[in-house]
Structure formats: structure tokens, C-alpha cells
């Protein structure tokens, strides 16, 4: 949570950031990753000179698949984007540089400018459209937990207008008109 707060604190004014998390089917995603790893292996094998990038992709895919097999972590897809607003091109360039320099504060992340998908990236900042961001990366729940500021389950609202039962068979009070919601 601290790294998220540091990242947000150091963003220039008039910037919006968005994290989208989507739970993926573990087996289907593992199969797709195996195909990508095999394609990278073929790329390494059929080249006259050694392709270091393909070799690294093979290592990353195999390492991720191994970790997935050894743990009971769930698989998620994460995308993270920053929308920069500015009145002039000069102001936009200055904010862009500040945002790119800020990304390493987010757990060593690397910021990438994407001019080709700017329409989809803009749309991804609209409600329920986060999946429009084409840059998505797989992450296991074990690593994702570090981003979530969860300390305990929500206990419900103060006034019990509606009583519900949780998955743990505990009572949960809910007032749909509670101003704190």
C-alpha cells in the first residue's frame, strides 16, 4: 500500500491512474503461456545467431509456470495506466516525463508510452472499461496481495436494515442508504 501511495503522491496534477485486475482461468492461461514459451523456444532454435530476448522470454515463461504449479495461487491479469491531462504540448511533455520517472516507485515498474493505442487507453479510464487496456500482464495472487490494503473483512454498516449471511456463516448488517457507503 505504501508504494501505491508514494506513486500517487508523486504524480503531477490532472493525472488519473487506473489499475484493472481480472481473474483468469488458471488452466487456460497456463496453456496459453506454454504455447508462448514454445514459440520463444522455436525462435531461439531456428535463429542463426542467438536471440537473447527470446531466451529471456523462455526463462520468464518457464519460471512463471513453475511457480504457478508449485503454489495454489490464483492467476490474475493486471493492467495499470496513467491518463495525463494538459492544456499545452509543452506541459504535456513535462508531465509525461514526471510520470515516467515515477513508475519505478511502483515496485520497480517500467512506464511505457503508447501512442498507438491512445483511444483504447482513454476508453479504459471510463467506468467498467478497464479491460480495454491492451497492455496486460499475468500475476499470481501471492504477489498481488501486496497491492491490496485488506486487513480484515468488512463488518457491515452500523445500522442493520438488512441482515445477510457471509460465506463464513457470520451475520452482516447492511443499510443501503448509509451515507458512508
N, C-alpha and C. Protein backbone atom coordinates (compact mmCIF):
# COMPACT_ATOMS: atom_id res chain seq x y z
N UNK A 1 0.83 -1.19 0.00
CA UNK A 1 0.00 0.00 0.00
C UNK A 1 0.87 1.26 0.00
N UNK A 2 2.01 1.19 0.69
CA UNK A 2 2.92 2.33 0.74
C UNK A 2 3.43 2.70 -0.63
N UNK A 3 3.75 1.69 -1.46
CA UNK A 3 4.27 2.02 -2.79
C UNK A 3 3.19 2.66 -3.66
N UNK A 4 1.94 2.24 -3.49
CA UNK A 4 0.84 2.84 -4.26
C UNK A 4 0.67 4.30 -3.84
N UNK A 5 0.73 4.55 -2.53
CA UNK A 5 0.59 5.93 -2.03
C UNK A 5 1.75 6.80 -2.50
N UNK A 6 2.98 6.27 -2.48
CA UNK A 6 4.14 7.05 -2.96
C UNK A 6 3.98 7.37 -4.44
N UNK A 7 3.52 6.40 -5.20
CA UNK A 7 3.32 6.62 -6.63
C UNK A 7 2.29 7.73 -6.86
N UNK A 8 1.15 7.61 -6.19
CA UNK A 8 0.07 8.58 -6.36
C UNK A 8 0.50 9.98 -5.90
N UNK A 9 1.21 10.05 -4.80
CA UNK A 9 1.64 11.34 -4.25
C UNK A 9 2.56 12.09 -5.21
N UNK A 10 3.37 11.36 -5.98
CA UNK A 10 4.34 11.97 -6.87
C UNK A 10 3.83 12.17 -8.30
N UNK A 11 2.56 11.91 -8.54
CA UNK A 11 2.00 12.18 -9.86
C UNK A 11 1.73 13.68 -10.02
N UNK A 12 1.93 14.22 -11.20
CA UNK A 12 1.58 15.63 -11.43
C UNK A 12 0.06 15.84 -11.31
N UNK A 13 -0.33 17.10 -11.18
CA UNK A 13 -1.77 17.41 -11.12
C UNK A 13 -2.45 17.02 -12.43
N UNK A 14 -3.74 16.78 -12.36
CA UNK A 14 -4.56 16.42 -13.52
C UNK A 14 -4.13 15.11 -14.17
N UNK A 15 -3.72 14.15 -13.36
CA UNK A 15 -3.42 12.81 -13.86
C UNK A 15 -4.35 11.82 -13.15
N UNK A 16 -4.81 10.86 -13.89
CA UNK A 16 -5.63 9.80 -13.32
C UNK A 16 -4.90 8.49 -13.53
N UNK A 17 -4.87 7.64 -12.51
CA UNK A 17 -4.27 6.32 -12.68
C UNK A 17 -5.33 5.26 -12.44
N UNK A 18 -5.12 4.14 -13.09
CA UNK A 18 -6.13 3.09 -13.05
C UNK A 18 -5.44 1.73 -13.02
N UNK A 19 -5.83 0.92 -12.06
CA UNK A 19 -5.38 -0.48 -12.00
C UNK A 19 -6.60 -1.33 -12.28
N UNK A 20 -6.46 -2.25 -13.22
CA UNK A 20 -7.53 -3.19 -13.52
C UNK A 20 -7.02 -4.60 -13.22
N UNK A 21 -7.78 -5.32 -12.44
CA UNK A 21 -7.46 -6.71 -12.12
C UNK A 21 -8.58 -7.59 -12.63
N UNK A 22 -8.20 -8.66 -13.28
CA UNK A 22 -9.20 -9.60 -13.80
C UNK A 22 -8.72 -11.01 -13.48
N UNK A 23 -9.57 -11.78 -12.82
CA UNK A 23 -9.23 -13.17 -12.51
C UNK A 23 -9.32 -13.99 -13.78
N UNK A 24 -8.27 -14.77 -14.03
CA UNK A 24 -8.22 -15.58 -15.24
C UNK A 24 -8.36 -17.06 -14.89
N UNK A 25 -8.82 -17.83 -15.87
CA UNK A 25 -8.89 -19.28 -15.70
C UNK A 25 -7.46 -19.81 -15.67
N UNK A 26 -7.12 -20.47 -14.61
CA UNK A 26 -5.75 -20.92 -14.37
C UNK A 26 -5.23 -21.86 -15.46
N UNK A 27 -6.01 -22.86 -15.81
CA UNK A 27 -5.55 -23.87 -16.77
C UNK A 27 -5.45 -23.30 -18.19
N UNK A 28 -6.46 -22.54 -18.60
CA UNK A 28 -6.43 -21.95 -19.95
C UNK A 28 -5.26 -20.98 -20.10
N UNK A 29 -5.03 -20.18 -19.07
CA UNK A 29 -3.92 -19.23 -19.11
C UNK A 29 -2.57 -19.94 -19.11
N UNK A 30 -2.47 -21.02 -18.33
CA UNK A 30 -1.22 -21.79 -18.30
C UNK A 30 -0.94 -22.39 -19.67
N UNK A 31 -1.99 -22.87 -20.33
CA UNK A 31 -1.82 -23.45 -21.66
C UNK A 31 -1.35 -22.40 -22.66
N UNK A 32 -1.94 -21.19 -22.60
CA UNK A 32 -1.51 -20.11 -23.50
C UNK A 32 -0.06 -19.73 -23.24
N UNK A 33 0.34 -19.72 -21.95
CA UNK A 33 1.71 -19.38 -21.62
C UNK A 33 2.68 -20.47 -22.10
N UNK A 34 2.26 -21.72 -22.03
CA UNK A 34 3.10 -22.81 -22.55
C UNK A 34 3.32 -22.65 -24.07
N UNK A 35 2.25 -22.25 -24.77
CA UNK A 35 2.37 -22.03 -26.22
C UNK A 35 3.35 -20.89 -26.49
N UNK A 36 3.25 -19.80 -25.73
CA UNK A 36 4.17 -18.67 -25.91
C UNK A 36 5.61 -19.09 -25.62
N UNK A 37 5.80 -19.90 -24.57
CA UNK A 37 7.14 -20.38 -24.24
C UNK A 37 7.69 -21.25 -25.37
N UNK A 38 6.84 -22.10 -25.93
CA UNK A 38 7.28 -22.97 -27.04
C UNK A 38 7.62 -22.16 -28.29
N UNK A 39 6.84 -21.10 -28.55
CA UNK A 39 7.13 -20.23 -29.69
C UNK A 39 8.47 -19.53 -29.49
N UNK A 40 8.72 -19.08 -28.28
CA UNK A 40 10.01 -18.43 -27.98
C UNK A 40 11.16 -19.43 -28.12
N UNK A 41 10.93 -20.68 -27.66
CA UNK A 41 11.97 -21.72 -27.82
C UNK A 41 12.26 -21.97 -29.29
N UNK A 42 11.22 -22.01 -30.10
CA UNK A 42 11.40 -22.21 -31.54
C UNK A 42 12.17 -21.04 -32.15
N UNK A 43 11.88 -19.84 -31.67
CA UNK A 43 12.57 -18.65 -32.16
C UNK A 43 14.06 -18.72 -31.82
N UNK A 44 14.37 -19.23 -30.64
CA UNK A 44 15.77 -19.39 -30.23
C UNK A 44 16.44 -20.46 -31.09
N UNK A 45 15.76 -21.57 -31.31
CA UNK A 45 16.33 -22.72 -32.01
C UNK A 45 16.60 -22.45 -33.48
N UNK A 46 15.68 -21.75 -34.15
CA UNK A 46 15.80 -21.58 -35.60
C UNK A 46 16.59 -20.34 -36.03
N UNK A 47 17.10 -19.57 -35.10
CA UNK A 47 17.90 -18.40 -35.43
C UNK A 47 19.34 -18.80 -35.72
N UNK A 48 19.97 -18.09 -36.65
CA UNK A 48 21.38 -18.33 -36.95
C UNK A 48 22.23 -17.81 -35.78
N UNK A 49 21.90 -16.58 -35.33
CA UNK A 49 22.59 -16.03 -34.16
C UNK A 49 21.66 -16.15 -32.95
N UNK A 50 22.22 -16.09 -31.77
CA UNK A 50 21.43 -16.27 -30.55
C UNK A 50 20.52 -15.06 -30.32
N UNK A 51 19.25 -15.34 -30.04
CA UNK A 51 18.28 -14.29 -29.74
C UNK A 51 18.13 -14.22 -28.22
N UNK A 52 18.81 -13.25 -27.62
CA UNK A 52 18.82 -13.15 -26.15
C UNK A 52 17.45 -12.79 -25.59
N UNK A 53 16.68 -11.99 -26.33
CA UNK A 53 15.34 -11.63 -25.85
C UNK A 53 14.43 -12.85 -25.81
N UNK A 54 14.49 -13.67 -26.85
CA UNK A 54 13.67 -14.88 -26.87
C UNK A 54 14.10 -15.84 -25.76
N UNK A 55 15.40 -15.96 -25.53
CA UNK A 55 15.89 -16.81 -24.43
C UNK A 55 15.36 -16.32 -23.09
N UNK A 56 15.36 -15.02 -22.89
CA UNK A 56 14.85 -14.46 -21.64
C UNK A 56 13.35 -14.69 -21.51
N UNK A 57 12.60 -14.55 -22.60
CA UNK A 57 11.16 -14.82 -22.55
C UNK A 57 10.89 -16.28 -22.18
N UNK A 58 11.66 -17.20 -22.74
CA UNK A 58 11.53 -18.62 -22.39
C UNK A 58 11.75 -18.80 -20.90
N UNK A 59 12.82 -18.20 -20.37
CA UNK A 59 13.13 -18.32 -18.95
C UNK A 59 12.00 -17.76 -18.09
N UNK A 60 11.47 -16.59 -18.48
CA UNK A 60 10.39 -15.96 -17.71
C UNK A 60 9.12 -16.81 -17.73
N UNK A 61 8.74 -17.30 -18.91
CA UNK A 61 7.54 -18.12 -19.01
C UNK A 61 7.68 -19.40 -18.19
N UNK A 62 8.82 -20.07 -18.32
CA UNK A 62 9.02 -21.32 -17.58
C UNK A 62 9.07 -21.10 -16.08
N UNK A 63 9.68 -20.00 -15.66
CA UNK A 63 9.74 -19.67 -14.24
C UNK A 63 8.34 -19.39 -13.70
N UNK A 64 7.54 -18.65 -14.46
CA UNK A 64 6.17 -18.33 -14.04
C UNK A 64 5.33 -19.60 -13.97
N UNK A 65 5.44 -20.46 -14.98
CA UNK A 65 4.68 -21.72 -14.98
C UNK A 65 5.09 -22.61 -13.82
N UNK A 66 6.38 -22.64 -13.50
CA UNK A 66 6.86 -23.45 -12.38
C UNK A 66 6.29 -22.93 -11.06
N UNK A 67 6.33 -21.61 -10.88
CA UNK A 67 5.77 -21.02 -9.65
C UNK A 67 4.28 -21.27 -9.56
N UNK A 68 3.59 -21.19 -10.69
CA UNK A 68 2.15 -21.45 -10.72
C UNK A 68 1.85 -22.89 -10.29
N UNK A 69 2.67 -23.84 -10.76
CA UNK A 69 2.46 -25.25 -10.45
C UNK A 69 2.78 -25.56 -8.99
N UNK A 70 3.76 -24.87 -8.42
CA UNK A 70 4.19 -25.16 -7.05
C UNK A 70 3.33 -24.51 -5.98
N UNK A 71 2.54 -23.51 -6.35
CA UNK A 71 1.71 -22.80 -5.37
C UNK A 71 0.24 -22.98 -5.71
N UNK A 72 -0.58 -22.64 -4.76
CA UNK A 72 -2.02 -22.68 -5.02
C UNK A 72 -2.55 -21.29 -5.34
N UNK A 73 -1.65 -20.39 -5.72
CA UNK A 73 -2.04 -19.02 -6.05
C UNK A 73 -2.98 -19.00 -7.25
N UNK A 74 -3.89 -18.07 -7.23
CA UNK A 74 -4.78 -17.86 -8.37
C UNK A 74 -4.06 -16.95 -9.36
N UNK A 75 -4.51 -16.99 -10.59
CA UNK A 75 -3.90 -16.20 -11.65
C UNK A 75 -4.80 -15.00 -11.97
N UNK A 76 -4.19 -13.83 -12.01
CA UNK A 76 -4.89 -12.60 -12.35
C UNK A 76 -4.17 -11.93 -13.50
N UNK A 77 -4.90 -11.06 -14.17
CA UNK A 77 -4.31 -10.23 -15.21
C UNK A 77 -4.37 -8.81 -14.67
N UNK A 78 -3.26 -8.11 -14.75
CA UNK A 78 -3.22 -6.74 -14.22
C UNK A 78 -2.84 -5.78 -15.34
N UNK A 79 -3.52 -4.67 -15.35
CA UNK A 79 -3.11 -3.59 -16.25
C UNK A 79 -3.11 -2.30 -15.43
N UNK A 80 -2.19 -1.45 -15.71
CA UNK A 80 -2.01 -0.22 -14.95
C UNK A 80 -1.76 0.89 -15.95
N UNK A 81 -2.51 1.96 -15.86
CA UNK A 81 -2.29 3.06 -16.79
C UNK A 81 -2.48 4.40 -16.09
N UNK A 82 -1.85 5.41 -16.67
CA UNK A 82 -1.97 6.79 -16.17
C UNK A 82 -2.45 7.65 -17.32
N UNK A 83 -3.51 8.39 -17.09
CA UNK A 83 -4.05 9.32 -18.07
C UNK A 83 -3.57 10.72 -17.69
N UNK A 84 -2.88 11.37 -18.60
CA UNK A 84 -2.31 12.70 -18.34
C UNK A 84 -3.14 13.75 -19.07
N UNK A 85 -3.51 14.79 -18.34
CA UNK A 85 -4.28 15.89 -18.93
C UNK A 85 -3.42 17.15 -18.90
N UNK A 86 -3.39 17.87 -20.03
CA UNK A 86 -2.61 19.11 -20.11
C UNK A 86 -3.23 20.03 -21.14
N UNK A 87 -2.95 21.33 -21.01
CA UNK A 87 -3.50 22.31 -21.95
C UNK A 87 -2.57 22.58 -23.12
N UNK A 88 -1.26 22.37 -22.92
CA UNK A 88 -0.30 22.62 -24.00
C UNK A 88 0.58 21.39 -24.19
N UNK A 89 1.21 21.31 -25.35
CA UNK A 89 2.11 20.19 -25.63
C UNK A 89 3.32 20.24 -24.70
N UNK A 90 3.82 21.45 -24.41
CA UNK A 90 4.97 21.60 -23.52
C UNK A 90 4.62 21.09 -22.12
N UNK A 91 3.45 21.45 -21.64
CA UNK A 91 3.00 20.99 -20.32
C UNK A 91 2.81 19.47 -20.32
N UNK A 92 2.28 18.95 -21.42
CA UNK A 92 2.09 17.50 -21.55
C UNK A 92 3.43 16.77 -21.51
N UNK A 93 4.43 17.28 -22.22
CA UNK A 93 5.75 16.64 -22.22
C UNK A 93 6.37 16.65 -20.82
N UNK A 94 6.22 17.75 -20.10
CA UNK A 94 6.78 17.84 -18.75
C UNK A 94 6.10 16.83 -17.82
N UNK A 95 4.77 16.75 -17.91
CA UNK A 95 4.03 15.80 -17.07
C UNK A 95 4.36 14.35 -17.45
N UNK A 96 4.52 14.12 -18.74
CA UNK A 96 4.86 12.77 -19.21
C UNK A 96 6.18 12.32 -18.61
N UNK A 97 7.18 13.19 -18.63
CA UNK A 97 8.49 12.85 -18.06
C UNK A 97 8.38 12.59 -16.57
N UNK A 98 7.59 13.39 -15.87
CA UNK A 98 7.41 13.20 -14.42
C UNK A 98 6.74 11.86 -14.13
N UNK A 99 5.75 11.50 -14.93
CA UNK A 99 5.04 10.23 -14.72
C UNK A 99 5.98 9.06 -15.00
N UNK A 100 6.74 9.12 -16.08
CA UNK A 100 7.67 8.03 -16.42
C UNK A 100 8.74 7.85 -15.35
N UNK A 101 9.22 8.95 -14.78
CA UNK A 101 10.22 8.86 -13.70
C UNK A 101 9.61 8.32 -12.41
N UNK A 102 8.29 8.43 -12.28
CA UNK A 102 7.59 8.00 -11.07
C UNK A 102 7.34 6.48 -11.05
N UNK A 103 7.30 5.83 -12.20
CA UNK A 103 6.96 4.40 -12.26
C UNK A 103 7.86 3.50 -11.42
N UNK A 104 9.16 3.71 -11.36
CA UNK A 104 9.99 2.82 -10.52
C UNK A 104 9.57 2.81 -9.04
N UNK A 105 8.88 3.86 -8.58
CA UNK A 105 8.38 3.87 -7.20
C UNK A 105 7.28 2.82 -7.00
N UNK A 106 6.70 2.38 -8.09
CA UNK A 106 5.62 1.39 -8.04
C UNK A 106 6.24 0.00 -8.17
N UNK A 107 7.01 -0.38 -7.18
CA UNK A 107 7.59 -1.72 -7.14
C UNK A 107 8.58 -2.00 -8.25
N UNK A 108 9.29 -0.96 -8.72
CA UNK A 108 10.28 -1.17 -9.78
C UNK A 108 9.66 -1.29 -11.17
N UNK A 109 8.44 -0.82 -11.34
CA UNK A 109 7.76 -0.91 -12.63
C UNK A 109 8.44 -0.01 -13.66
N UNK A 110 8.18 -0.32 -14.90
CA UNK A 110 8.72 0.46 -16.01
C UNK A 110 7.54 1.06 -16.76
N UNK A 111 7.52 2.37 -16.90
CA UNK A 111 6.46 3.05 -17.64
C UNK A 111 6.74 3.02 -19.12
N UNK A 112 5.71 2.85 -19.93
CA UNK A 112 5.83 2.79 -21.38
C UNK A 112 4.84 3.77 -21.99
N UNK A 113 5.32 4.59 -22.92
CA UNK A 113 4.42 5.48 -23.67
C UNK A 113 3.77 4.69 -24.79
N UNK A 114 2.48 4.84 -24.96
CA UNK A 114 1.80 4.12 -26.03
C UNK A 114 0.95 5.10 -26.83
N UNK A 115 1.47 5.53 -27.97
CA UNK A 115 0.74 6.46 -28.82
C UNK A 115 -0.21 5.73 -29.77
N UNK A 116 0.04 4.45 -30.01
CA UNK A 116 -0.76 3.72 -30.99
C UNK A 116 -2.11 3.29 -30.46
N UNK A 117 -2.21 3.10 -29.17
CA UNK A 117 -3.45 2.62 -28.57
C UNK A 117 -4.11 3.70 -27.70
N UNK A 118 -3.85 4.97 -28.00
CA UNK A 118 -4.33 6.01 -27.10
C UNK A 118 -5.85 6.05 -26.99
N UNK A 119 -6.58 5.70 -28.05
CA UNK A 119 -8.04 5.69 -27.94
C UNK A 119 -8.51 4.62 -26.96
N UNK A 120 -7.95 3.41 -27.08
CA UNK A 120 -8.33 2.32 -26.18
C UNK A 120 -7.90 2.62 -24.75
N UNK A 121 -6.72 3.23 -24.59
CA UNK A 121 -6.27 3.58 -23.24
C UNK A 121 -7.17 4.63 -22.62
N UNK A 122 -7.60 5.61 -23.42
CA UNK A 122 -8.51 6.63 -22.90
C UNK A 122 -9.83 5.98 -22.48
N UNK A 123 -10.37 5.12 -23.32
CA UNK A 123 -11.63 4.44 -23.01
C UNK A 123 -11.48 3.58 -21.76
N UNK A 124 -10.29 3.02 -21.55
CA UNK A 124 -10.09 2.15 -20.37
C UNK A 124 -10.25 2.90 -19.06
N UNK A 125 -10.20 4.23 -19.08
CA UNK A 125 -10.39 5.01 -17.86
C UNK A 125 -11.87 5.31 -17.58
N UNK A 126 -12.75 4.91 -18.47
CA UNK A 126 -14.18 5.07 -18.23
C UNK A 126 -14.68 3.93 -17.35
N UNK A 127 -15.76 4.14 -16.59
CA UNK A 127 -16.25 3.08 -15.71
C UNK A 127 -16.53 1.77 -16.46
N UNK A 128 -16.09 0.67 -15.86
CA UNK A 128 -16.30 -0.69 -16.36
C UNK A 128 -15.64 -0.97 -17.71
N UNK A 129 -14.66 -0.16 -18.09
CA UNK A 129 -13.98 -0.36 -19.37
C UNK A 129 -12.49 -0.63 -19.18
N UNK A 130 -12.06 -0.97 -17.99
CA UNK A 130 -10.65 -1.18 -17.69
C UNK A 130 -10.01 -2.26 -18.54
N UNK A 131 -10.80 -3.19 -19.05
CA UNK A 131 -10.25 -4.29 -19.85
C UNK A 131 -9.81 -3.83 -21.24
N UNK A 132 -10.11 -2.60 -21.62
CA UNK A 132 -9.73 -2.09 -22.94
C UNK A 132 -8.23 -1.84 -23.06
N UNK A 133 -7.53 -1.75 -21.93
CA UNK A 133 -6.08 -1.55 -21.98
C UNK A 133 -5.44 -2.80 -22.55
N UNK A 134 -4.74 -2.64 -23.67
CA UNK A 134 -4.14 -3.80 -24.35
C UNK A 134 -2.90 -4.33 -23.63
N UNK A 135 -2.27 -3.51 -22.80
CA UNK A 135 -1.08 -3.95 -22.07
C UNK A 135 -1.50 -4.59 -20.75
N UNK A 136 -1.57 -5.91 -20.74
CA UNK A 136 -1.97 -6.66 -19.56
C UNK A 136 -0.90 -7.70 -19.27
N UNK A 137 -0.71 -7.98 -18.00
CA UNK A 137 0.34 -8.91 -17.62
C UNK A 137 -0.20 -9.89 -16.58
N UNK A 138 0.25 -11.15 -16.67
CA UNK A 138 -0.21 -12.12 -15.67
C UNK A 138 0.51 -11.91 -14.35
N UNK A 139 -0.20 -12.14 -13.27
CA UNK A 139 0.39 -12.04 -11.93
C UNK A 139 -0.34 -13.04 -11.04
N UNK A 140 0.40 -13.65 -10.14
CA UNK A 140 -0.19 -14.61 -9.20
C UNK A 140 -0.72 -13.86 -7.98
N UNK A 141 -1.75 -14.42 -7.36
CA UNK A 141 -2.38 -13.75 -6.22
C UNK A 141 -1.39 -13.51 -5.09
N UNK A 142 -0.40 -14.38 -4.95
CA UNK A 142 0.60 -14.22 -3.89
C UNK A 142 1.33 -12.88 -4.03
N UNK A 143 1.64 -12.48 -5.25
CA UNK A 143 2.30 -11.19 -5.49
C UNK A 143 1.30 -10.04 -5.46
N UNK A 144 0.08 -10.30 -5.89
CA UNK A 144 -0.94 -9.27 -5.97
C UNK A 144 -1.40 -8.80 -4.60
N UNK A 145 -1.31 -9.67 -3.61
CA UNK A 145 -1.76 -9.34 -2.26
C UNK A 145 -1.05 -8.11 -1.72
N UNK A 146 0.15 -7.86 -2.18
CA UNK A 146 0.91 -6.70 -1.70
C UNK A 146 0.27 -5.38 -2.10
N UNK A 147 -0.57 -5.38 -3.13
CA UNK A 147 -1.23 -4.14 -3.57
C UNK A 147 -2.52 -3.87 -2.82
N UNK A 148 -3.10 -4.89 -2.22
CA UNK A 148 -4.42 -4.75 -1.62
C UNK A 148 -4.34 -4.38 -0.15
N UNK A 149 -4.95 -3.28 0.24
CA UNK A 149 -4.89 -2.83 1.64
C UNK A 149 -5.94 -3.50 2.52
N UNK A 150 -6.00 -4.83 2.49
CA UNK A 150 -7.01 -5.52 3.28
C UNK A 150 -6.43 -5.97 4.60
N UNK A 151 -7.10 -5.61 5.68
CA UNK A 151 -6.66 -6.04 6.99
C UNK A 151 -7.64 -7.02 7.60
N UNK A 152 -8.90 -6.81 7.32
CA UNK A 152 -9.94 -7.69 7.83
C UNK A 152 -11.16 -7.58 6.93
N UNK A 153 -12.08 -8.48 7.11
CA UNK A 153 -13.30 -8.44 6.30
C UNK A 153 -14.18 -7.30 6.77
N UNK A 154 -14.97 -6.80 5.86
CA UNK A 154 -15.90 -5.72 6.19
C UNK A 154 -16.98 -6.25 7.12
N UNK A 155 -17.27 -5.53 8.17
CA UNK A 155 -18.23 -5.97 9.19
C UNK A 155 -19.65 -5.49 8.92
N UNK A 156 -19.83 -4.70 7.88
CA UNK A 156 -21.17 -4.21 7.55
C UNK A 156 -21.38 -2.79 8.02
N UNK A 157 -22.61 -2.31 7.86
CA UNK A 157 -22.94 -0.95 8.27
C UNK A 157 -23.33 -0.93 9.74
N UNK A 158 -23.35 0.28 10.27
CA UNK A 158 -23.66 0.42 11.70
C UNK A 158 -25.12 0.05 12.00
N UNK A 159 -26.04 0.52 11.15
CA UNK A 159 -27.47 0.23 11.35
C UNK A 159 -27.87 -1.00 10.54
N UNK A 160 -28.43 -2.01 11.17
CA UNK A 160 -28.82 -3.23 10.44
C UNK A 160 -30.22 -3.14 9.84
N UNK A 161 -30.34 -2.54 8.65
CA UNK A 161 -31.63 -2.51 7.96
C UNK A 161 -31.91 -3.85 7.28
N UNK A 162 -30.84 -4.49 6.84
CA UNK A 162 -30.94 -5.75 6.14
C UNK A 162 -29.88 -6.69 6.71
N UNK A 163 -30.27 -7.89 7.09
CA UNK A 163 -29.32 -8.85 7.64
C UNK A 163 -28.98 -9.89 6.58
N UNK A 164 -27.68 -10.07 6.36
CA UNK A 164 -27.20 -11.03 5.38
C UNK A 164 -26.30 -12.04 6.09
N UNK A 165 -26.00 -13.13 5.39
CA UNK A 165 -25.09 -14.15 5.92
C UNK A 165 -23.88 -14.24 5.00
N UNK A 166 -22.69 -14.20 5.58
CA UNK A 166 -21.46 -14.27 4.80
C UNK A 166 -21.11 -15.72 4.50
N UNK A 167 -20.07 -15.91 3.68
CA UNK A 167 -19.60 -17.27 3.37
C UNK A 167 -19.09 -18.00 4.61
N UNK A 168 -18.71 -17.25 5.64
CA UNK A 168 -18.22 -17.86 6.87
C UNK A 168 -19.35 -18.06 7.88
N UNK A 169 -20.58 -17.97 7.41
CA UNK A 169 -21.78 -18.13 8.26
C UNK A 169 -21.85 -17.11 9.39
N UNK A 170 -21.38 -15.90 9.13
CA UNK A 170 -21.47 -14.82 10.10
C UNK A 170 -22.51 -13.82 9.62
N UNK A 171 -23.11 -13.10 10.57
CA UNK A 171 -24.10 -12.09 10.22
C UNK A 171 -23.44 -10.83 9.68
N UNK A 172 -24.10 -10.20 8.71
CA UNK A 172 -23.60 -8.97 8.12
C UNK A 172 -24.77 -8.01 8.01
N UNK A 173 -24.66 -6.86 8.69
CA UNK A 173 -25.73 -5.87 8.63
C UNK A 173 -25.47 -4.91 7.48
N UNK A 174 -26.56 -4.53 6.78
CA UNK A 174 -26.41 -3.67 5.62
C UNK A 174 -27.55 -2.66 5.57
N UNK A 175 -27.17 -1.40 5.45
CA UNK A 175 -28.13 -0.32 5.23
C UNK A 175 -27.75 0.33 3.90
N UNK A 176 -28.56 0.09 2.87
CA UNK A 176 -28.25 0.58 1.54
C UNK A 176 -28.21 2.11 1.46
N UNK A 177 -28.82 2.79 2.44
CA UNK A 177 -28.86 4.26 2.42
C UNK A 177 -27.87 4.88 3.40
N UNK A 178 -26.95 4.09 3.90
CA UNK A 178 -25.92 4.60 4.80
C UNK A 178 -25.01 5.56 4.03
N UNK A 179 -24.85 6.80 4.48
CA UNK A 179 -24.02 7.76 3.74
C UNK A 179 -22.54 7.39 3.66
N UNK A 180 -22.08 6.48 4.51
CA UNK A 180 -20.66 6.11 4.49
C UNK A 180 -20.35 5.12 3.36
N UNK A 181 -21.37 4.59 2.71
CA UNK A 181 -21.13 3.62 1.63
C UNK A 181 -20.68 4.33 0.37
